[in-house]
Amino acid sequence: EQAAALKMFWQLCLNLMGLSNNTVELSGKAMDEKELVFTGAVNMYFVLVKNIAFNLFGQYESVASLVIKKEAQQHLVVKGGSYTALMYTFHRSLSLYAMAQKNRKKKKKYTT
């Protein structure tokens, strides 16, 4: 599981350097996300790394659908205060804030 997590972060770094065709898909020299075997910890790291990638490349709506689809929060609650849980919470909060800023409606002035 640690090897899979390291490969995910390695592939994220390669994506950030522009060495992959798809910026948010973890497929390239280090790994291919379609060949990943999802266990509890691997699922948690996958959602974390994808969350970071989506944030850095501005795809904030994708974070919400990924979290719902992969159900990573259940595993992160078990882990408690681990470093990965803190990173996940931070990046998820960034996504929610960016979505709120993007979808914020202009204040209307009402006259009586």
Foldseek 3Di string as FASTA:
>chain_A
DVLLLVLLVVLQVCLVVVNDPDNLASDDDSDHPVPDDDDLVSLLSNLLSSLVSCLVVVVLVVNVVSCVVSVNVVSLVVVPPDPSNVSSVVSNVSSVVVVCVVPPDDDDDDDD
